[in-house]
């Protein structure tokens, strides 16, 4: 359903080592790399684009990027 943005293999390996989460597999399975919940959609294309980069669902983007609860 979703396709993660490309990152060099070394970057993906570092992200997986640091977070313990495979960003590409998690995004492609439609889940959040932060909270592990299923992603049900996004209010705007900006949220979707960020999800494909970071793997953060809209709720986690609001919390961790925008500082909203």
N, C-alpha and C. Protein backbone atom coordinates (compact mmCIF):
# COMPACT_ATOMS: atom_id res chain seq x y z
N UNK A 1 0.82 -1.19 0.00
CA UNK A 1 0.00 0.00 0.00
C UNK A 1 0.87 1.26 0.00
N UNK A 2 1.86 1.34 0.90
CA UNK A 2 2.77 2.48 0.96
C UNK A 2 4.15 2.04 0.51
N UNK A 3 4.91 2.97 -0.07
CA UNK A 3 6.28 2.69 -0.49
C UNK A 3 7.20 3.70 0.17
N UNK A 4 8.08 3.22 1.02
CA UNK A 4 9.03 4.08 1.73
C UNK A 4 9.96 4.77 0.75
N UNK A 5 10.37 5.99 1.09
CA UNK A 5 11.35 6.70 0.27
C UNK A 5 12.68 5.95 0.31
N UNK A 6 13.47 6.14 -0.73
CA UNK A 6 14.77 5.48 -0.81
C UNK A 6 15.76 6.15 0.13
N UNK A 7 16.49 5.34 0.84
CA UNK A 7 17.65 5.78 1.61
C UNK A 7 18.77 4.78 1.30
N UNK A 8 19.99 5.24 1.30
CA UNK A 8 21.13 4.37 1.03
C UNK A 8 21.09 3.18 2.01
N UNK A 9 21.51 2.01 1.56
CA UNK A 9 21.50 0.83 2.42
C UNK A 9 22.21 1.04 3.76
N UNK A 10 23.29 1.82 3.76
CA UNK A 10 24.01 2.09 5.00
C UNK A 10 23.16 2.90 5.97
N UNK A 11 22.38 3.83 5.44
CA UNK A 11 21.50 4.65 6.28
C UNK A 11 20.38 3.77 6.85
N UNK A 12 19.78 2.93 6.01
CA UNK A 12 18.73 2.02 6.49
C UNK A 12 19.27 1.10 7.59
N UNK A 13 20.47 0.58 7.39
CA UNK A 13 21.07 -0.31 8.39
C UNK A 13 21.30 0.43 9.71
N UNK A 14 21.77 1.68 9.64
CA UNK A 14 22.00 2.47 10.84
C UNK A 14 20.68 2.75 11.54
N UNK A 15 19.64 3.13 10.80
CA UNK A 15 18.34 3.41 11.40
C UNK A 15 17.78 2.17 12.10
N UNK A 16 17.92 1.02 11.47
CA UNK A 16 17.44 -0.22 12.06
C UNK A 16 18.23 -0.55 13.33
N UNK A 17 19.54 -0.36 13.28
CA UNK A 17 20.37 -0.64 14.45
C UNK A 17 20.03 0.28 15.62
N UNK A 18 19.77 1.53 15.34
CA UNK A 18 19.48 2.51 16.39
C UNK A 18 18.08 2.34 16.96
N UNK A 19 17.09 2.13 16.08
CA UNK A 19 15.70 2.09 16.53
C UNK A 19 15.18 0.68 16.79
N UNK A 20 15.83 -0.32 16.21
CA UNK A 20 15.34 -1.68 16.33
C UNK A 20 14.14 -1.97 15.44
N UNK A 21 13.86 -1.05 14.51
CA UNK A 21 12.71 -1.16 13.62
C UNK A 21 13.19 -1.06 12.18
N UNK A 22 12.73 -1.97 11.33
CA UNK A 22 13.03 -1.89 9.90
C UNK A 22 12.05 -0.90 9.28
N UNK A 23 12.52 0.29 8.96
CA UNK A 23 11.68 1.37 8.45
C UNK A 23 10.91 0.96 7.20
N UNK A 24 11.58 0.36 6.24
CA UNK A 24 10.94 0.01 4.97
C UNK A 24 9.84 -1.02 5.18
N UNK A 25 10.13 -2.10 5.90
CA UNK A 25 9.12 -3.14 6.13
C UNK A 25 7.94 -2.59 6.92
N UNK A 26 8.22 -1.73 7.89
CA UNK A 26 7.15 -1.18 8.72
C UNK A 26 6.24 -0.27 7.89
N UNK A 27 6.83 0.61 7.09
CA UNK A 27 6.04 1.49 6.23
C UNK A 27 5.25 0.68 5.22
N UNK A 28 5.90 -0.27 4.58
CA UNK A 28 5.21 -1.06 3.55
C UNK A 28 4.11 -1.94 4.14
N UNK A 29 4.17 -2.22 5.43
CA UNK A 29 3.09 -2.99 6.07
C UNK A 29 1.97 -2.06 6.57
N UNK A 30 2.19 -0.73 6.43
CA UNK A 30 1.16 0.23 6.81
C UNK A 30 1.09 0.50 8.30
N UNK A 31 2.24 0.43 8.97
CA UNK A 31 2.30 0.68 10.41
C UNK A 31 3.26 1.83 10.71
N UNK A 32 3.18 2.35 11.92
CA UNK A 32 4.02 3.47 12.35
C UNK A 32 5.32 2.94 12.94
N UNK A 33 6.43 3.56 12.57
CA UNK A 33 7.73 3.14 13.10
C UNK A 33 7.92 3.57 14.54
N UNK A 34 7.11 4.49 15.02
CA UNK A 34 7.24 4.97 16.40
C UNK A 34 6.31 4.22 17.36
N UNK A 35 5.01 4.19 17.05
CA UNK A 35 4.03 3.60 17.98
C UNK A 35 3.55 2.21 17.55
N UNK A 36 3.89 1.78 16.35
CA UNK A 36 3.56 0.46 15.80
C UNK A 36 2.09 0.28 15.43
N UNK A 37 1.28 1.32 15.59
CA UNK A 37 -0.14 1.21 15.24
C UNK A 37 -0.32 1.21 13.73
N UNK A 38 -1.43 0.63 13.27
CA UNK A 38 -1.76 0.64 11.86
C UNK A 38 -2.09 2.06 11.42
N UNK A 39 -1.57 2.44 10.26
CA UNK A 39 -1.83 3.77 9.71
C UNK A 39 -3.15 3.70 8.95
N UNK A 40 -4.07 4.62 9.30
CA UNK A 40 -5.40 4.60 8.71
C UNK A 40 -5.62 5.71 7.70
N UNK A 41 -4.64 6.56 7.50
CA UNK A 41 -4.76 7.65 6.54
C UNK A 41 -4.16 8.92 7.10
N UNK A 42 -4.19 9.97 6.26
CA UNK A 42 -3.59 11.25 6.61
C UNK A 42 -4.50 12.38 6.18
N UNK A 43 -4.48 13.47 6.95
CA UNK A 43 -5.32 14.63 6.63
C UNK A 43 -4.83 15.38 5.41
N UNK A 44 -3.51 15.40 5.19
CA UNK A 44 -2.94 16.13 4.05
C UNK A 44 -1.84 15.31 3.40
N UNK A 45 -1.47 15.72 2.19
CA UNK A 45 -0.36 15.07 1.49
C UNK A 45 0.96 15.30 2.21
N UNK A 46 1.07 16.39 2.95
CA UNK A 46 2.30 16.67 3.70
C UNK A 46 2.53 15.61 4.76
N UNK A 47 1.47 15.23 5.48
CA UNK A 47 1.59 14.16 6.47
C UNK A 47 1.97 12.84 5.79
N UNK A 48 1.38 12.54 4.65
CA UNK A 48 1.69 11.32 3.91
C UNK A 48 3.16 11.32 3.49
N UNK A 49 3.63 12.42 2.92
CA UNK A 49 5.04 12.49 2.48
C UNK A 49 5.99 12.27 3.65
N UNK A 50 5.67 12.87 4.80
CA UNK A 50 6.52 12.68 5.98
C UNK A 50 6.49 11.23 6.43
N UNK A 51 5.33 10.59 6.36
CA UNK A 51 5.23 9.17 6.72
C UNK A 51 6.15 8.32 5.85
N UNK A 52 6.19 8.60 4.57
CA UNK A 52 7.02 7.82 3.65
C UNK A 52 8.51 8.03 3.91
N UNK A 53 8.85 9.15 4.56
CA UNK A 53 10.24 9.44 4.92
C UNK A 53 10.58 8.83 6.28
N UNK A 54 9.77 9.16 7.29
CA UNK A 54 10.11 8.79 8.67
C UNK A 54 9.39 7.55 9.17
N UNK A 55 8.22 7.28 8.60
CA UNK A 55 7.42 6.17 9.09
C UNK A 55 6.51 6.55 10.24
N UNK A 56 6.46 7.83 10.60
CA UNK A 56 5.61 8.29 11.70
C UNK A 56 4.18 8.48 11.20
N UNK A 57 3.22 7.91 11.93
CA UNK A 57 1.80 8.13 11.62
C UNK A 57 1.44 9.59 11.91
N UNK A 58 0.24 9.99 11.55
CA UNK A 58 -0.15 11.38 11.76
C UNK A 58 -0.11 11.77 13.24
N UNK A 59 -0.58 10.89 14.10
CA UNK A 59 -0.58 11.17 15.53
C UNK A 59 0.84 11.37 16.06
N UNK A 60 1.77 10.53 15.66
CA UNK A 60 3.16 10.66 16.11
C UNK A 60 3.82 11.90 15.50
N UNK A 61 3.48 12.23 14.26
CA UNK A 61 4.01 13.46 13.67
C UNK A 61 3.54 14.66 14.48
N UNK A 62 2.26 14.68 14.84
CA UNK A 62 1.73 15.78 15.64
C UNK A 62 2.47 15.88 16.98
N UNK A 63 2.70 14.73 17.59
CA UNK A 63 3.32 14.71 18.92
C UNK A 63 4.80 15.03 18.88
N UNK A 64 5.56 14.34 18.04
CA UNK A 64 7.01 14.43 18.08
C UNK A 64 7.59 15.51 17.17
N UNK A 65 6.91 15.86 16.10
CA UNK A 65 7.44 16.86 15.18
C UNK A 65 6.82 18.23 15.46
N UNK A 66 5.51 18.26 15.66
CA UNK A 66 4.83 19.53 15.88
C UNK A 66 4.66 19.89 17.35
N UNK A 67 4.90 18.93 18.24
CA UNK A 67 4.78 19.19 19.67
C UNK A 67 3.35 19.29 20.15
N UNK A 68 2.41 18.70 19.39
CA UNK A 68 1.00 18.71 19.78
C UNK A 68 0.64 17.37 20.40
N UNK A 69 -0.27 17.39 21.32
CA UNK A 69 -0.76 16.14 21.94
C UNK A 69 -2.01 15.67 21.26
